[in-house]
Amino acid sequence: MKLDSILLNQILNDHSSNHSDLQIESFNIATNGITEYGQYIQTIRELKVRYGNLKRMYCEKELLEVDLEELQCNKDFANNFDKKRNEINIKKKFMSLEDISRNIKDSETEFYKFYLLAKDLKSKIGELTEERKNQLDKEMWLIKIKLMAATDLKLCGNLRSSTIEMINFLPEDMKSEIIKCFDEKDFVSKYLTFNFNNLKLPQKSELINVKMLLSET
């Protein structure tokens, strides 16, 4: 059976290390963040990771380009073996350059998606003072622990030890609010059907040069 190199390239090009829009909206952000504030904080975390990775990859790519230029300029070889090694090293650098260019492209795509989400969520949340951050953080954790408790009660009939520990370590006012909820008749059904803030990636209304954007920060 003859290998079809064109088809192989097409198959390999179908691979992407990116998360799909569904993964980003429903799993990376929505389930980890729960509230708008929580989703905003999670989006910042995702953005920060890609920010650091891209900065490093831009430097790595520039170094590879310098190495490649140096190898291509090298004409003075002690023997034919050194010349062959140089040619192989050039091939290796080219392959590394292709790999990192592809990784940069994928990371830039994801960075831009998280940037758009963060921008959209920030417009809804507005200015964040320390006092407001603490209040929104408290609200997020109350909902998160109530969801855990409702799931425990539905599946096990009682609270798991890990959920009880979390409740016990909460400040008294938060602990009292959660314990009070257990008296509500519809507590379990209410939180098992909790309406998450459904995220949708904003339409790309603008084109940005991610590398230029990062160089300004």
N, C-alpha and C. Protein backbone atom coordinates (compact mmCIF):
# COMPACT_ATOMS: atom_id res chain seq x y z
N MET A 1 0.84 -1.19 0.00
CA MET A 1 0.00 0.00 0.00
C MET A 1 0.88 1.25 0.00
N LYS A 2 0.66 2.11 -0.97
CA LYS A 2 1.48 3.31 -1.10
C LYS A 2 0.95 4.40 -0.17
N LEU A 3 1.88 5.03 0.54
CA LEU A 3 1.51 6.12 1.44
C LEU A 3 1.19 7.37 0.64
N ASP A 4 0.03 7.95 0.89
CA ASP A 4 -0.40 9.18 0.22
C ASP A 4 0.07 10.36 1.05
N SER A 5 1.16 11.00 0.63
CA SER A 5 1.76 12.08 1.41
C SER A 5 0.85 13.30 1.50
N ILE A 6 0.09 13.57 0.44
CA ILE A 6 -0.83 14.72 0.46
C ILE A 6 -1.94 14.49 1.49
N LEU A 7 -2.50 13.26 1.47
CA LEU A 7 -3.55 12.92 2.43
C LEU A 7 -3.01 12.95 3.86
N LEU A 8 -1.79 12.44 4.02
CA LEU A 8 -1.17 12.43 5.35
C LEU A 8 -1.05 13.85 5.89
N ASN A 9 -0.59 14.78 5.05
CA ASN A 9 -0.47 16.17 5.47
C ASN A 9 -1.83 16.76 5.84
N GLN A 10 -2.85 16.39 5.09
CA GLN A 10 -4.20 16.88 5.38
C GLN A 10 -4.68 16.37 6.74
N ILE A 11 -4.39 15.08 6.99
CA ILE A 11 -4.78 14.47 8.26
C ILE A 11 -4.05 15.15 9.42
N LEU A 12 -2.75 15.33 9.28
CA LEU A 12 -1.96 15.96 10.34
C LEU A 12 -2.40 17.40 10.58
N ASN A 13 -2.79 18.10 9.51
CA ASN A 13 -3.24 19.48 9.64
C ASN A 13 -4.59 19.60 10.34
N ASP A 14 -5.34 18.47 10.39
CA ASP A 14 -6.62 18.48 11.10
C ASP A 14 -6.43 18.47 12.61
N HIS A 15 -5.23 18.14 13.05
CA HIS A 15 -4.95 18.14 14.49
C HIS A 15 -4.84 19.58 15.01
N SER A 16 -5.42 19.79 16.16
CA SER A 16 -5.29 21.10 16.81
C SER A 16 -5.15 20.89 18.31
N SER A 17 -4.21 21.59 18.92
CA SER A 17 -4.05 21.48 20.37
C SER A 17 -4.99 22.44 21.10
N ASN A 18 -5.74 23.22 20.32
CA ASN A 18 -6.68 24.18 20.91
C ASN A 18 -7.87 23.48 21.56
N HIS A 19 -8.44 24.16 22.57
CA HIS A 19 -9.73 23.73 23.10
C HIS A 19 -10.81 24.24 22.14
N SER A 20 -11.88 23.45 22.00
CA SER A 20 -12.99 23.90 21.17
C SER A 20 -13.75 25.01 21.90
N ASP A 21 -14.58 25.73 21.16
CA ASP A 21 -15.40 26.78 21.78
C ASP A 21 -16.29 26.19 22.87
N LEU A 22 -16.84 24.99 22.61
CA LEU A 22 -17.69 24.32 23.60
C LEU A 22 -16.91 24.04 24.89
N GLN A 23 -15.69 23.53 24.75
CA GLN A 23 -14.87 23.24 25.94
C GLN A 23 -14.61 24.51 26.75
N ILE A 24 -14.27 25.59 26.04
CA ILE A 24 -13.96 26.85 26.72
C ILE A 24 -15.20 27.39 27.44
N GLU A 25 -16.32 27.43 26.72
CA GLU A 25 -17.54 28.03 27.27
C GLU A 25 -18.14 27.20 28.40
N SER A 26 -18.20 25.87 28.20
CA SER A 26 -18.95 25.01 29.12
C SER A 26 -18.10 24.38 30.22
N PHE A 27 -16.82 24.15 29.95
CA PHE A 27 -16.01 23.41 30.93
C PHE A 27 -14.87 24.23 31.52
N ASN A 28 -14.03 24.83 30.68
CA ASN A 28 -12.92 25.61 31.21
C ASN A 28 -13.39 26.75 32.10
N ILE A 29 -14.47 27.43 31.66
CA ILE A 29 -14.90 28.64 32.36
C ILE A 29 -16.18 28.46 33.17
N ALA A 30 -17.27 28.04 32.51
CA ALA A 30 -18.58 28.02 33.18
C ALA A 30 -18.60 27.15 34.44
N THR A 31 -18.17 25.90 34.34
CA THR A 31 -18.25 25.00 35.49
C THR A 31 -17.22 25.33 36.57
N ASN A 32 -16.10 25.92 36.18
CA ASN A 32 -15.09 26.30 37.17
C ASN A 32 -15.42 27.61 37.86
N GLY A 33 -16.14 28.48 37.13
CA GLY A 33 -16.40 29.80 37.68
C GLY A 33 -17.76 29.95 38.34
N ILE A 34 -18.78 29.30 37.80
CA ILE A 34 -20.17 29.31 38.29
C ILE A 34 -20.82 30.69 38.15
N THR A 35 -20.37 31.69 38.93
CA THR A 35 -20.95 33.03 38.83
C THR A 35 -20.18 33.86 37.80
N GLU A 36 -20.72 35.01 37.43
CA GLU A 36 -20.02 35.89 36.48
C GLU A 36 -18.63 36.26 37.01
N TYR A 37 -18.57 36.57 38.29
CA TYR A 37 -17.28 36.94 38.90
C TYR A 37 -16.32 35.76 38.85
N GLY A 38 -16.82 34.57 39.23
CA GLY A 38 -15.98 33.37 39.22
C GLY A 38 -15.48 33.06 37.82
N GLN A 39 -16.34 33.24 36.84
CA GLN A 39 -15.96 32.99 35.45
C GLN A 39 -14.92 34.02 34.98
N TYR A 40 -15.07 35.23 35.45
CA TYR A 40 -14.09 36.28 35.10
C TYR A 40 -12.71 35.93 35.67
N ILE A 41 -12.68 35.51 36.92
CA ILE A 41 -11.42 35.13 37.57
C ILE A 41 -10.79 33.93 36.86
N GLN A 42 -11.63 32.93 36.50
CA GLN A 42 -11.11 31.76 35.79
C GLN A 42 -10.58 32.14 34.41
N THR A 43 -11.27 33.06 33.75
CA THR A 43 -10.81 33.52 32.44
C THR A 43 -9.46 34.21 32.54
N ILE A 44 -9.27 35.00 33.60
CA ILE A 44 -7.99 35.67 33.82
C ILE A 44 -6.88 34.64 34.01
N ARG A 45 -7.18 33.57 34.77
CA ARG A 45 -6.17 32.51 34.98
C ARG A 45 -5.75 31.90 33.65
N GLU A 46 -6.76 31.57 32.82
CA GLU A 46 -6.47 30.96 31.52
C GLU A 46 -5.67 31.94 30.64
N LEU A 47 -6.03 33.19 30.71
CA LEU A 47 -5.36 34.22 29.91
C LEU A 47 -3.91 34.39 30.36
N LYS A 48 -3.71 34.37 31.68
CA LYS A 48 -2.38 34.57 32.25
C LYS A 48 -1.41 33.46 31.83
N VAL A 49 -1.93 32.21 31.84
CA VAL A 49 -1.10 31.06 31.42
C VAL A 49 -0.62 31.24 29.98
N ARG A 50 -1.55 31.59 29.10
CA ARG A 50 -1.21 31.75 27.68
C ARG A 50 -0.35 32.99 27.44
N TYR A 51 -0.56 34.00 28.24
CA TYR A 51 0.26 35.21 28.17
C TYR A 51 1.74 34.86 28.41
N GLY A 52 2.00 34.13 29.50
CA GLY A 52 3.37 33.73 29.81
C GLY A 52 3.96 32.79 28.78
N ASN A 53 3.16 31.81 28.34
CA ASN A 53 3.63 30.85 27.34
C ASN A 53 3.99 31.53 26.02
N LEU A 54 3.15 32.46 25.59
CA LEU A 54 3.41 33.15 24.31
C LEU A 54 4.66 34.01 24.39
N LYS A 55 4.84 34.70 25.49
CA LYS A 55 6.05 35.54 25.65
C LYS A 55 7.31 34.68 25.53
N ARG A 56 7.28 33.49 26.18
CA ARG A 56 8.43 32.59 26.12
C ARG A 56 8.62 32.05 24.70
N MET A 57 7.52 31.67 24.05
CA MET A 57 7.63 31.09 22.70
C MET A 57 8.12 32.11 21.68
N TYR A 58 7.74 33.36 21.82
CA TYR A 58 8.24 34.39 20.91
C TYR A 58 9.76 34.49 21.01
N CYS A 59 10.29 34.44 22.25
CA CYS A 59 11.75 34.50 22.45
C CYS A 59 12.42 33.25 21.87
N GLU A 60 11.81 32.09 22.12
CA GLU A 60 12.38 30.83 21.61
C GLU A 60 12.43 30.85 20.08
N LYS A 61 11.39 31.37 19.46
CA LYS A 61 11.36 31.43 18.00
C LYS A 61 12.46 32.35 17.46
N GLU A 62 12.64 33.49 18.10
CA GLU A 62 13.68 34.43 17.67
C GLU A 62 15.07 33.81 17.81
N LEU A 63 15.28 33.06 18.90
CA LEU A 63 16.57 32.39 19.09
C LEU A 63 16.81 31.32 18.02
N LEU A 64 15.76 30.58 17.68
CA LEU A 64 15.86 29.57 16.62
C LEU A 64 16.23 30.21 15.29
N GLU A 65 15.63 31.36 15.00
CA GLU A 65 15.92 32.06 13.75
C GLU A 65 17.37 32.53 13.70
N VAL A 66 17.90 32.97 14.85
CA VAL A 66 19.31 33.38 14.92
C VAL A 66 20.22 32.17 14.71
N ASP A 67 19.88 31.06 15.40
CA ASP A 67 20.68 29.82 15.25
C ASP A 67 20.69 29.35 13.80
N LEU A 68 19.54 29.41 13.17
CA LEU A 68 19.41 28.97 11.78
C LEU A 68 20.23 29.85 10.84
N GLU A 69 20.15 31.13 11.07
CA GLU A 69 20.91 32.07 10.24
C GLU A 69 22.41 31.81 10.38
N GLU A 70 22.83 31.54 11.61
CA GLU A 70 24.25 31.27 11.88
C GLU A 70 24.70 29.98 11.18
N LEU A 71 23.87 28.94 11.26
CA LEU A 71 24.21 27.67 10.61
C LEU A 71 24.29 27.82 9.10
N GLN A 72 23.36 28.60 8.53
CA GLN A 72 23.33 28.78 7.07
C GLN A 72 24.50 29.61 6.58
N CYS A 73 25.05 30.44 7.47
CA CYS A 73 26.20 31.28 7.08
C CYS A 73 27.53 30.54 7.24
N ASN A 74 27.46 29.42 7.94
CA ASN A 74 28.68 28.67 8.22
C ASN A 74 29.17 27.96 6.94
N LYS A 75 30.30 28.37 6.44
CA LYS A 75 30.87 27.78 5.21
C LYS A 75 32.23 27.12 5.45
N ASP A 76 32.76 27.35 6.64
CA ASP A 76 34.11 26.87 6.93
C ASP A 76 34.05 25.55 7.72
N PHE A 77 34.23 24.44 7.02
CA PHE A 77 34.16 23.12 7.65
C PHE A 77 35.51 22.44 7.61
N ALA A 78 35.84 21.79 8.73
CA ALA A 78 37.13 21.09 8.80
C ALA A 78 37.13 19.87 7.88
N ASN A 79 35.97 19.24 7.72
CA ASN A 79 35.87 18.06 6.86
C ASN A 79 34.42 17.89 6.39
N ASN A 80 34.22 16.87 5.57
CA ASN A 80 32.91 16.63 4.98
C ASN A 80 31.86 16.22 6.02
N PHE A 81 32.33 15.56 7.10
CA PHE A 81 31.41 15.14 8.16
C PHE A 81 30.82 16.36 8.88
N ASP A 82 31.67 17.34 9.14
CA ASP A 82 31.17 18.57 9.78
C ASP A 82 30.14 19.26 8.90
N LYS A 83 30.37 19.22 7.61
CA LYS A 83 29.43 19.83 6.67
C LYS A 83 28.07 19.11 6.72
N LYS A 84 28.13 17.76 6.77
CA LYS A 84 26.89 16.98 6.83
C LYS A 84 26.14 17.23 8.15
N ARG A 85 26.92 17.32 9.24
CA ARG A 85 26.29 17.61 10.54
C ARG A 85 25.62 18.97 10.52
N ASN A 86 26.25 19.91 9.88
CA ASN A 86 25.68 21.25 9.78
C ASN A 86 24.36 21.23 9.00
N GLU A 87 24.34 20.44 7.91
CA GLU A 87 23.12 20.33 7.10
C GLU A 87 21.98 19.69 7.90
N ILE A 88 22.34 18.68 8.70
CA ILE A 88 21.33 18.02 9.55
C ILE A 88 20.81 18.99 10.62
N ASN A 89 21.72 19.74 11.20
CA ASN A 89 21.32 20.72 12.22
C ASN A 89 20.40 21.80 11.64
N ILE A 90 20.64 22.17 10.40
CA ILE A 90 19.77 23.14 9.72
C ILE A 90 18.36 22.56 9.58
N LYS A 91 18.28 21.27 9.17
CA LYS A 91 16.98 20.61 9.05
C LYS A 91 16.26 20.58 10.40
N LYS A 92 17.02 20.25 11.47
CA LYS A 92 16.44 20.18 12.81
C LYS A 92 15.89 21.54 13.24
N LYS A 93 16.66 22.58 12.94
CA LYS A 93 16.22 23.94 13.32
C LYS A 93 14.96 24.32 12.55
N PHE A 94 14.90 23.95 11.28
CA PHE A 94 13.72 24.24 10.47
C PHE A 94 12.49 23.53 11.05
N MET A 95 12.66 22.27 11.44
CA MET A 95 11.56 21.51 12.02
C MET A 95 11.10 22.13 13.34
N SER A 96 12.07 22.52 14.16
CA SER A 96 11.75 23.16 15.44
C SER A 96 11.02 24.48 15.22
N LEU A 97 11.45 25.19 14.19
CA LEU A 97 10.83 26.47 13.85
C LEU A 97 9.37 26.26 13.40
N GLU A 98 9.16 25.23 12.61
CA GLU A 98 7.79 24.91 12.17
C GLU A 98 6.90 24.55 13.37
N ASP A 99 7.46 23.73 14.28
CA ASP A 99 6.70 23.31 15.46
C ASP A 99 6.31 24.50 16.33
N ILE A 100 7.28 25.35 16.61
CA ILE A 100 7.00 26.46 17.52
C ILE A 100 6.09 27.50 16.86
N SER A 101 6.20 27.65 15.55
CA SER A 101 5.31 28.57 14.83
C SER A 101 3.87 28.09 14.92
N ARG A 102 3.69 26.75 14.80
CA ARG A 102 2.36 26.16 14.90
C ARG A 102 1.82 26.31 16.32
N ASN A 103 2.68 26.09 17.32
CA ASN A 103 2.26 26.23 18.72
C ASN A 103 1.88 27.68 19.04
N ILE A 104 2.64 28.61 18.48
CA ILE A 104 2.34 30.03 18.69
C ILE A 104 0.98 30.38 18.10
N LYS A 105 0.73 29.89 16.90
CA LYS A 105 -0.55 30.17 16.24
C LYS A 105 -1.71 29.64 17.07
N ASP A 106 -1.59 28.38 17.56
CA ASP A 106 -2.64 27.80 18.39
C ASP A 106 -2.85 28.59 19.68
N SER A 107 -1.74 28.96 20.33
CA SER A 107 -1.82 29.70 21.59
C SER A 107 -2.40 31.09 21.39
N GLU A 108 -2.05 31.73 20.27
CA GLU A 108 -2.60 33.05 19.97
C GLU A 108 -4.11 32.98 19.77
N THR A 109 -4.57 31.90 19.10
CA THR A 109 -6.00 31.72 18.87
C THR A 109 -6.74 31.60 20.20
N GLU A 110 -6.21 30.76 21.10
CA GLU A 110 -6.85 30.59 22.41
C GLU A 110 -6.74 31.85 23.25
N PHE A 111 -5.58 32.49 23.21
CA PHE A 111 -5.40 33.73 23.97
C PHE A 111 -6.47 34.75 23.57
N TYR A 112 -6.70 34.88 22.28
CA TYR A 112 -7.66 35.86 21.78
C TYR A 112 -9.08 35.53 22.23
N LYS A 113 -9.41 34.22 22.25
CA LYS A 113 -10.74 33.81 22.72
C LYS A 113 -10.94 34.17 24.19
N PHE A 114 -9.93 33.87 25.02
CA PHE A 114 -10.05 34.20 26.44
C PHE A 114 -10.02 35.71 26.67
N TYR A 115 -9.29 36.41 25.84
CA TYR A 115 -9.24 37.88 25.91
C TYR A 115 -10.64 38.46 25.64
N LEU A 116 -11.33 37.95 24.61
CA LEU A 116 -12.67 38.43 24.29
C LEU A 116 -13.65 38.12 25.42
N LEU A 117 -13.52 36.91 26.01
CA LEU A 117 -14.39 36.55 27.13
C LEU A 117 -14.15 37.45 28.34
N ALA A 118 -12.87 37.68 28.66
CA ALA A 118 -12.52 38.52 29.80
C ALA A 118 -13.04 39.95 29.59
N LYS A 119 -12.89 40.42 28.36
CA LYS A 119 -13.36 41.78 28.02
C LYS A 119 -14.88 41.88 28.21
N ASP A 120 -15.61 40.86 27.75
CA ASP A 120 -17.07 40.85 27.87
C ASP A 120 -17.51 40.77 29.33
N LEU A 121 -16.88 39.87 30.10
CA LEU A 121 -17.22 39.72 31.51
C LEU A 121 -16.86 40.96 32.32
N LYS A 122 -15.73 41.57 32.00
CA LYS A 122 -15.30 42.79 32.69
C LYS A 122 -16.32 43.91 32.48
N SER A 123 -16.88 44.01 31.29
CA SER A 123 -17.88 45.05 31.01
C SER A 123 -19.14 44.85 31.86
N LYS A 124 -19.44 43.59 32.23
CA LYS A 124 -20.62 43.29 33.05
C LYS A 124 -20.32 43.50 34.54
N ILE A 125 -19.12 43.16 34.95
CA ILE A 125 -18.76 43.22 36.37
C ILE A 125 -18.39 44.65 36.80
N GLY A 126 -17.70 45.36 35.93
CA GLY A 126 -17.30 46.73 36.24
C GLY A 126 -16.08 46.81 37.14
N GLU A 127 -15.95 47.92 37.83
CA GLU A 127 -14.79 48.17 38.69
C GLU A 127 -14.80 47.22 39.89
N LEU A 128 -13.62 46.70 40.23
CA LEU A 128 -13.52 45.76 41.35
C LEU A 128 -12.66 46.35 42.47
N THR A 129 -13.31 46.82 43.51
CA THR A 129 -12.58 47.24 44.71
C THR A 129 -12.32 45.98 45.54
N GLU A 130 -11.45 46.08 46.53
CA GLU A 130 -11.17 44.93 47.40
C GLU A 130 -12.43 44.48 48.11
N GLU A 131 -13.24 45.43 48.55
CA GLU A 131 -14.47 45.10 49.25
C GLU A 131 -15.43 44.34 48.33
N ARG A 132 -15.54 44.80 47.09
CA ARG A 132 -16.46 44.14 46.14
C ARG A 132 -15.92 42.77 45.75
N LYS A 133 -14.61 42.65 45.58
CA LYS A 133 -14.01 41.35 45.28
C LYS A 133 -14.35 40.34 46.36
N ASN A 134 -14.20 40.76 47.62
CA ASN A 134 -14.48 39.86 48.74
C ASN A 134 -15.93 39.44 48.77
N GLN A 135 -16.84 40.38 48.49
CA GLN A 135 -18.26 40.08 48.48
C GLN A 135 -18.62 39.10 47.37
N LEU A 136 -18.10 39.36 46.17
CA LEU A 136 -18.38 38.49 45.02
C LEU A 136 -17.76 37.11 45.20
N ASP A 137 -16.59 37.07 45.82
CA ASP A 137 -15.92 35.79 46.10
C ASP A 137 -16.75 34.97 47.09
N LYS A 138 -17.27 35.66 48.09
CA LYS A 138 -18.11 35.01 49.10
C LYS A 138 -19.37 34.42 48.45
N GLU A 139 -20.02 35.20 47.58
CA GLU A 139 -21.22 34.74 46.89
C GLU A 139 -20.92 33.51 46.02
N MET A 140 -19.77 33.54 45.35
CA MET A 140 -19.39 32.42 44.49
C MET A 140 -19.22 31.14 45.30
N TRP A 141 -18.51 31.24 46.44
CA TRP A 141 -18.27 30.06 47.26
C TRP A 141 -19.54 29.53 47.92
N LEU A 142 -20.43 30.42 48.28
CA LEU A 142 -21.71 29.97 48.85
C LEU A 142 -22.47 29.11 47.84
N ILE A 143 -22.55 29.59 46.60
CA ILE A 143 -23.25 28.83 45.55
C ILE A 143 -22.52 27.52 45.27
N LYS A 144 -21.19 27.58 45.18
CA LYS A 144 -20.40 26.38 44.89
C LYS A 144 -20.62 25.29 45.95
N ILE A 145 -20.61 25.68 47.22
CA ILE A 145 -20.76 24.69 48.30
C ILE A 145 -22.20 24.18 48.37
N LYS A 146 -23.17 25.05 48.09
CA LYS A 146 -24.57 24.61 48.04
C LYS A 146 -24.77 23.58 46.92
N LEU A 147 -24.13 23.81 45.79
CA LEU A 147 -24.19 22.85 44.69
C LEU A 147 -23.59 21.51 45.09
N MET A 148 -22.45 21.55 45.78
CA MET A 148 -21.81 20.32 46.25
C MET A 148 -22.74 19.58 47.22
N ALA A 149 -23.33 20.33 48.14
CA ALA A 149 -24.21 19.72 49.15
C ALA A 149 -25.44 19.10 48.49
N ALA A 150 -26.03 19.81 47.54
CA ALA A 150 -27.23 19.29 46.84
C ALA A 150 -26.90 18.02 46.08
N THR A 151 -25.72 17.98 45.46
CA THR A 151 -25.29 16.78 44.73
C THR A 151 -25.09 15.60 45.69
N ASP A 152 -24.46 15.87 46.84
CA ASP A 152 -24.26 14.83 47.86
C ASP A 152 -25.59 14.24 48.32
N LEU A 153 -26.54 15.12 48.63
CA LEU A 153 -27.83 14.68 49.15
C LEU A 153 -28.61 13.87 48.11
N LYS A 154 -28.49 14.25 46.85
CA LYS A 154 -29.19 13.54 45.78
C LYS A 154 -28.58 12.16 45.55
N LEU A 155 -27.25 12.09 45.53
CA LEU A 155 -26.57 10.83 45.19
C LEU A 155 -26.37 9.91 46.39
N CYS A 156 -26.10 10.51 47.57
CA CYS A 156 -25.73 9.69 48.73
C CYS A 156 -26.78 9.71 49.85
N GLY A 157 -27.66 10.69 49.81
CA GLY A 157 -28.64 10.81 50.89
C GLY A 157 -28.13 11.59 52.07
N ASN A 158 -26.83 11.87 52.10
CA ASN A 158 -26.24 12.71 53.15
C ASN A 158 -24.99 13.40 52.61
N LEU A 159 -24.41 14.27 53.42
CA LEU A 159 -23.24 15.03 52.98
C LEU A 159 -21.98 14.19 53.10
N ARG A 160 -21.10 14.32 52.11
CA ARG A 160 -19.79 13.66 52.19
C ARG A 160 -18.93 14.37 53.23
N SER A 161 -17.95 13.67 53.76
CA SER A 161 -17.09 14.25 54.80
C SER A 161 -16.34 15.48 54.28
N SER A 162 -15.94 15.46 53.00
CA SER A 162 -15.20 16.59 52.43
C SER A 162 -16.08 17.84 52.37
N THR A 163 -17.38 17.67 52.08
CA THR A 163 -18.32 18.80 52.04
C THR A 163 -18.54 19.34 53.45
N ILE A 164 -18.68 18.44 54.43
CA ILE A 164 -18.87 18.86 55.82
C ILE A 164 -17.66 19.65 56.31
N GLU A 165 -16.46 19.19 55.95
CA GLU A 165 -15.23 19.90 56.34
C GLU A 165 -15.22 21.31 55.77
N MET A 166 -15.58 21.44 54.50
CA MET A 166 -15.60 22.76 53.87
C MET A 166 -16.56 23.69 54.60
N ILE A 167 -17.75 23.17 54.92
CA ILE A 167 -18.74 23.99 55.62
C ILE A 167 -18.23 24.40 56.99
N ASN A 168 -17.62 23.46 57.71
CA ASN A 168 -17.12 23.74 59.06
C ASN A 168 -16.03 24.80 59.10
N PHE A 169 -15.25 24.89 58.02
CA PHE A 169 -14.15 25.86 58.00
C PHE A 169 -14.58 27.24 57.51
N LEU A 170 -15.83 27.38 57.13
CA LEU A 170 -16.33 28.68 56.65
C LEU A 170 -16.53 29.64 57.82
N PRO A 171 -16.52 30.95 57.53
CA PRO A 171 -16.89 31.94 58.57
C PRO A 171 -18.31 31.65 59.05
N GLU A 172 -18.62 32.05 60.27
CA GLU A 172 -19.91 31.70 60.89
C GLU A 172 -21.12 32.14 60.08
N ASP A 173 -21.06 33.35 59.49
CA ASP A 173 -22.22 33.84 58.75
C ASP A 173 -22.49 33.00 57.50
N MET A 174 -21.42 32.56 56.81
CA MET A 174 -21.57 31.72 55.63
C MET A 174 -22.06 30.33 56.02
N LYS A 175 -21.50 29.81 57.11
CA LYS A 175 -21.91 28.48 57.59
C LYS A 175 -23.39 28.47 57.95
N SER A 176 -23.84 29.51 58.64
CA SER A 176 -25.25 29.60 59.04
C SER A 176 -26.17 29.65 57.83
N GLU A 177 -25.75 30.42 56.80
CA GLU A 177 -26.59 30.55 55.60
C GLU A 177 -26.75 29.21 54.89
N ILE A 178 -25.65 28.43 54.83
CA ILE A 178 -25.73 27.12 54.15
C ILE A 178 -26.57 26.14 54.96
N ILE A 179 -26.37 26.10 56.27
CA ILE A 179 -27.13 25.17 57.11
C ILE A 179 -28.62 25.49 57.05
N LYS A 180 -28.95 26.79 56.99
CA LYS A 180 -30.34 27.22 56.91
C LYS A 180 -31.01 26.69 55.63
N CYS A 181 -30.22 26.60 54.57
CA CYS A 181 -30.76 26.13 53.27
C CYS A 181 -31.26 24.70 53.33
N PHE A 182 -30.69 23.89 54.23
CA PHE A 182 -31.09 22.48 54.30
C PHE A 182 -32.54 22.30 54.73
N ASP A 183 -33.12 23.34 55.33
CA ASP A 183 -34.52 23.28 55.76
C ASP A 183 -35.48 23.57 54.61
N GLU A 184 -34.94 24.07 53.50
CA GLU A 184 -35.80 24.37 52.36
C GLU A 184 -36.22 23.07 51.67
N LYS A 185 -37.50 22.92 51.40
CA LYS A 185 -38.01 21.69 50.80
C LYS A 185 -37.45 21.43 49.41
N ASP A 186 -37.26 22.51 48.66
CA ASP A 186 -36.81 22.35 47.27
C ASP A 186 -35.31 22.59 47.12
N PHE A 187 -34.56 22.51 48.24
CA PHE A 187 -33.13 22.83 48.20
C PHE A 187 -32.38 22.01 47.14
N VAL A 188 -32.58 20.68 47.16
CA VAL A 188 -31.83 19.81 46.24
C VAL A 188 -32.21 20.09 44.79
N SER A 189 -33.49 20.11 44.49
CA SER A 189 -33.92 20.34 43.10
C SER A 189 -33.52 21.73 42.62
N LYS A 190 -33.56 22.70 43.52
CA LYS A 190 -33.21 24.08 43.16
C LYS A 190 -31.77 24.17 42.70
N TYR A 191 -30.86 23.52 43.42
CA TYR A 191 -29.44 23.65 43.07
C TYR A 191 -28.97 22.62 42.05
N LEU A 192 -29.68 21.52 41.91
CA LEU A 192 -29.33 20.57 40.85
C LEU A 192 -29.74 21.10 39.48
N THR A 193 -30.68 22.04 39.49
CA THR A 193 -31.09 22.67 38.22
C THR A 193 -30.62 24.13 38.19
N PHE A 194 -29.52 24.37 38.89
CA PHE A 194 -28.99 25.74 38.99
C PHE A 194 -28.67 26.29 37.61
N ASN A 195 -29.09 27.52 37.37
CA ASN A 195 -28.89 28.16 36.07
C ASN A 195 -27.54 28.88 36.04
N PHE A 196 -26.56 28.22 35.46
CA PHE A 196 -25.24 28.82 35.33
C PHE A 196 -25.31 30.02 34.38
N ASN A 197 -24.38 30.92 34.56
CA ASN A 197 -24.27 32.03 33.60
C ASN A 197 -23.75 31.45 32.29
N ASN A 198 -24.64 31.24 31.34
CA ASN A 198 -24.25 30.61 30.08
C ASN A 198 -23.37 31.54 29.26
N LEU A 199 -22.16 31.08 29.03
CA LEU A 199 -21.21 31.89 28.27
C LEU A 199 -21.28 31.59 26.79
N LYS A 200 -21.08 32.61 26.02
CA LYS A 200 -20.92 32.45 24.58
C LYS A 200 -19.75 33.32 24.16
N LEU A 201 -18.83 32.72 23.44
CA LEU A 201 -17.70 33.50 22.97
C LEU A 201 -18.20 34.63 22.08
N PRO A 202 -17.81 35.88 22.38
CA PRO A 202 -18.24 37.00 21.54
C PRO A 202 -17.74 36.83 20.12
N GLN A 203 -18.50 37.35 19.18
CA GLN A 203 -18.07 37.33 17.79
C GLN A 203 -16.82 38.19 17.65
N LYS A 204 -15.89 37.72 16.82
CA LYS A 204 -14.65 38.47 16.64
C LYS A 204 -14.93 39.73 15.83
N SER A 205 -15.16 40.80 16.56
CA SER A 205 -15.51 42.05 15.91
C SER A 205 -14.27 42.85 15.50
N GLU A 206 -13.12 42.37 15.92
CA GLU A 206 -11.90 43.08 15.61
C GLU A 206 -10.77 42.07 15.40
N LEU A 207 -9.81 42.46 14.62
CA LEU A 207 -8.62 41.64 14.43
C LEU A 207 -7.48 42.30 15.18
N ILE A 208 -6.79 41.53 15.99
CA ILE A 208 -5.68 42.12 16.73
C ILE A 208 -4.41 41.33 16.47
N ASN A 209 -3.30 42.03 16.54
CA ASN A 209 -2.00 41.40 16.45
C ASN A 209 -1.61 41.04 17.88
N VAL A 210 -1.74 39.75 18.21
CA VAL A 210 -1.51 39.31 19.60
C VAL A 210 -0.09 39.61 20.03
N LYS A 211 0.89 39.37 19.15
CA LYS A 211 2.28 39.62 19.52
C LYS A 211 2.50 41.10 19.83
N MET A 212 1.91 41.96 19.04
CA MET A 212 2.05 43.40 19.27
C MET A 212 1.36 43.81 20.57
N LEU A 213 0.19 43.20 20.81
CA LEU A 213 -0.54 43.49 22.05
C LEU A 213 0.29 43.12 23.27
N LEU A 214 0.92 41.94 23.22
CA LEU A 214 1.72 41.48 24.36
C LEU A 214 2.99 42.30 24.55
N SER A 215 3.53 42.80 23.45
CA SER A 215 4.76 43.60 23.55
C SER A 215 4.49 44.94 24.23
N GLU A 216 3.22 45.33 24.27
CA GLU A 216 2.85 46.62 24.90
C GLU A 216 2.53 46.46 26.38
N THR A 217 2.55 45.21 26.88
CA THR A 217 2.21 44.98 28.28
C THR A 217 3.42 44.58 29.09
